[in-house]
Amino acid sequence: MAQLAMDSIEREVLAETHRFEAALPELLKDYRGRWVVFQGGALHSVHETEDQAYVAAVEHFGVTGGSVVAPVLDKDSPAPNTTSVVSFPS
């Protein structure tokens, strides 16, 4: 049962990450180099630092809210390996 819940969470995380990546070309136009909170296929908020974005994600969606916290950078840019998802509810 726990494995089934984990599989479901992983699928949701992957789906939200794909939605973020699909939106990236548009996000780059206005938010290049900034950190965003992305949830439900939409931009929620924009921040100067990863910490600010993470705090905003947790404050708005909670620790199980399912938001992506990521830098808005070209896929070819050297980027910190810090894109994270504030976990989805099981």
C-alpha atoms as a PDB file:
ATOM      1  CA  MET A   1       0.000   0.000   0.000  1.00  0.00           C
ATOM      2  CA  ALA A   2       2.792   2.443   0.880  1.00  0.00           C
ATOM      3  CA  GLN A   3       4.540   1.621  -2.403  1.00  0.00           C
ATOM      4  CA  LEU A   4       1.336   2.355  -4.326  1.00  0.00           C
ATOM      5  CA  ALA A   5       1.058   5.770  -2.647  1.00  0.00           C
ATOM      6  CA  MET A   6       4.721   6.494  -3.407  1.00  0.00           C
ATOM      7  CA  ASP A   7       4.225   5.532  -7.064  1.00  0.00           C
ATOM      8  CA  SER A   8       1.261   7.908  -7.269  1.00  0.00           C
ATOM      9  CA  ILE A   9       3.290  10.741  -5.714  1.00  0.00           C
ATOM     10  CA  GLU A  10       6.168  10.113  -8.099  1.00  0.00           C
ATOM     11  CA  ARG A  11       3.809  10.271 -11.090  1.00  0.00           C
ATOM     12  CA  GLU A  12       2.349  13.563  -9.859  1.00  0.00           C
ATOM     13  CA  VAL A  13       5.811  15.020  -9.236  1.00  0.00           C
ATOM     14  CA  LEU A  14       6.908  14.002 -12.726  1.00  0.00           C
ATOM     15  CA  ALA A  15       3.732  15.437 -14.282  1.00  0.00           C
ATOM     16  CA  GLU A  16       4.159  18.790 -12.497  1.00  0.00           C
ATOM     17  CA  THR A  17       7.813  18.909 -13.511  1.00  0.00           C
ATOM     18  CA  HIS A  18       6.797  18.332 -17.147  1.00  0.00           C
ATOM     19  CA  ARG A  19       4.213  21.116 -16.897  1.00  0.00           C
ATOM     20  CA  PHE A  20       6.916  23.462 -15.548  1.00  0.00           C
ATOM     21  CA  GLU A  21       9.309  22.492 -18.348  1.00  0.00           C
ATOM     22  CA  ALA A  22       6.583  23.072 -20.945  1.00  0.00           C
ATOM     23  CA  ALA A  23       5.990  26.562 -19.532  1.00  0.00           C
ATOM     24  CA  LEU A  24       9.694  27.394 -19.376  1.00  0.00           C
ATOM     25  CA  PRO A  25       9.965  29.171 -22.764  1.00  0.00           C
ATOM     26  CA  GLU A  26       7.264  31.649 -21.696  1.00  0.00           C
ATOM     27  CA  LEU A  27       8.668  32.007 -18.180  1.00  0.00           C
ATOM     28  CA  LEU A  28      12.102  32.830 -19.591  1.00  0.00           C
ATOM     29  CA  LYS A  29      10.696  35.930 -21.302  1.00  0.00           C
ATOM     30  CA  ASP A  30       9.922  37.696 -18.022  1.00  0.00           C
ATOM     31  CA  TYR A  31      11.549  35.763 -15.185  1.00  0.00           C
ATOM     32  CA  ARG A  32      14.971  34.585 -16.409  1.00  0.00           C
ATOM     33  CA  GLY A  33      17.349  34.031 -13.494  1.00  0.00           C
ATOM     34  CA  ARG A  34      14.648  34.215 -10.834  1.00  0.00           C
ATOM     35  CA  TRP A  35      13.083  31.471  -8.745  1.00  0.00           C
ATOM     36  CA  VAL A  36       9.460  30.511  -9.170  1.00  0.00           C
ATOM     37  CA  VAL A  37       6.779  28.549  -7.400  1.00  0.00           C
ATOM     38  CA  PHE A  38       4.833  26.582 -10.007  1.00  0.00           C
ATOM     39  CA  GLN A  39       1.793  24.506  -9.090  1.00  0.00           C
ATOM     40  CA  GLY A  40      -1.149  23.066 -10.940  1.00  0.00           C
ATOM     41  CA  GLY A  41       0.425  23.941 -14.277  1.00  0.00           C
ATOM     42  CA  ALA A  42       0.559  27.650 -13.422  1.00  0.00           C
ATOM     43  CA  LEU A  43       3.010  30.217 -12.111  1.00  0.00           C
ATOM     44  CA  HIS A  44       2.181  31.028  -8.515  1.00  0.00           C
ATOM     45  CA  SER A  45       4.939  33.442  -7.483  1.00  0.00           C
ATOM     46  CA  VAL A  46       8.381  34.791  -8.438  1.00  0.00           C
ATOM     47  CA  HIS A  47      11.348  35.266  -6.087  1.00  0.00           C
ATOM     48  CA  GLU A  48      14.972  36.373  -6.028  1.00  0.00           C
ATOM     49  CA  THR A  49      16.227  33.353  -4.062  1.00  0.00           C
ATOM     50  CA  GLU A  50      15.496  29.676  -3.685  1.00  0.00           C
ATOM     51  CA  ASP A  51      14.862  30.139   0.043  1.00  0.00           C
ATOM     52  CA  GLN A  52      12.242  32.821  -0.594  1.00  0.00           C
ATOM     53  CA  ALA A  53      10.510  30.633  -3.174  1.00  0.00           C
ATOM     54  CA  TYR A  54      10.529  27.581  -0.919  1.00  0.00           C
ATOM     55  CA  VAL A  55       9.089  29.532   2.028  1.00  0.00           C
ATOM     56  CA  ALA A  56       6.362  30.974  -0.213  1.00  0.00           C
ATOM     57  CA  ALA A  57       5.491  27.498  -1.507  1.00  0.00           C
ATOM     58  CA  VAL A  58       5.190  26.046   1.976  1.00  0.00           C
ATOM     59  CA  GLU A  59       3.247  29.045   3.299  1.00  0.00           C
ATOM     60  CA  HIS A  60       0.731  28.940   0.459  1.00  0.00           C
ATOM     61  CA  PHE A  61       0.466  25.228  -0.353  1.00  0.00           C
ATOM     62  CA  GLY A  62       1.812  23.546   2.793  1.00  0.00           C
ATOM     63  CA  VAL A  63       4.496  20.898   2.906  1.00  0.00           C
ATOM     64  CA  THR A  64       2.343  18.492   0.915  1.00  0.00           C
ATOM     65  CA  GLY A  65       1.099  21.033  -1.619  1.00  0.00           C
ATOM     66  CA  GLY A  66       2.817  19.656  -4.700  1.00  0.00           C
ATOM     67  CA  SER A  67       4.481  22.814  -5.977  1.00  0.00           C
ATOM     68  CA  VAL A  68       7.647  22.955  -8.044  1.00  0.00           C
ATOM     69  CA  VAL A  69      10.288  25.392  -6.774  1.00  0.00           C
ATOM     70  CA  ALA A  70      12.768  26.024  -9.572  1.00  0.00           C
ATOM     71  CA  PRO A  71      15.095  28.555 -11.171  1.00  0.00           C
ATOM     72  CA  VAL A  72      14.001  29.970 -14.515  1.00  0.00           C
ATOM     73  CA  LEU A  73      17.026  29.191 -16.672  1.00  0.00           C
ATOM     74  CA  ASP A  74      17.678  27.908 -20.167  1.00  0.00           C
ATOM     75  CA  LYS A  75      17.931  24.139 -20.228  1.00  0.00           C
ATOM     76  CA  ASP A  76      21.502  24.500 -21.534  1.00  0.00           C
ATOM     77  CA  SER A  77      22.551  26.850 -18.713  1.00  0.00           C
ATOM     78  CA  PRO A  78      24.712  25.493 -15.944  1.00  0.00           C
ATOM     79  CA  ALA A  79      22.205  25.395 -13.136  1.00  0.00           C
ATOM     80  CA  PRO A  80      22.205  24.389  -9.530  1.00  0.00           C
ATOM     81  CA  ASN A  81      20.727  20.958  -9.037  1.00  0.00           C
ATOM     82  CA  THR A  82      18.146  22.340  -6.673  1.00  0.00           C
ATOM     83  CA  THR A  83      14.806  22.174  -8.431  1.00  0.00           C
ATOM     84  CA  SER A  84      12.498  20.662  -5.874  1.00  0.00           C
ATOM     85  CA  VAL A  85       8.922  19.690  -5.422  1.00  0.00           C
ATOM     86  CA  VAL A  86       7.160  20.348  -2.180  1.00  0.00           C
ATOM     87  CA  SER A  87       5.571  16.908  -1.923  1.00  0.00           C
ATOM     88  CA  PHE A  88       2.119  15.912  -3.054  1.00  0.00           C
ATOM     89  CA  PRO A  89      -0.407  14.537  -0.604  1.00  0.00           C
ATOM     90  CA  SER A  90      -0.698  10.764  -0.606  1.00  0.00           C
END
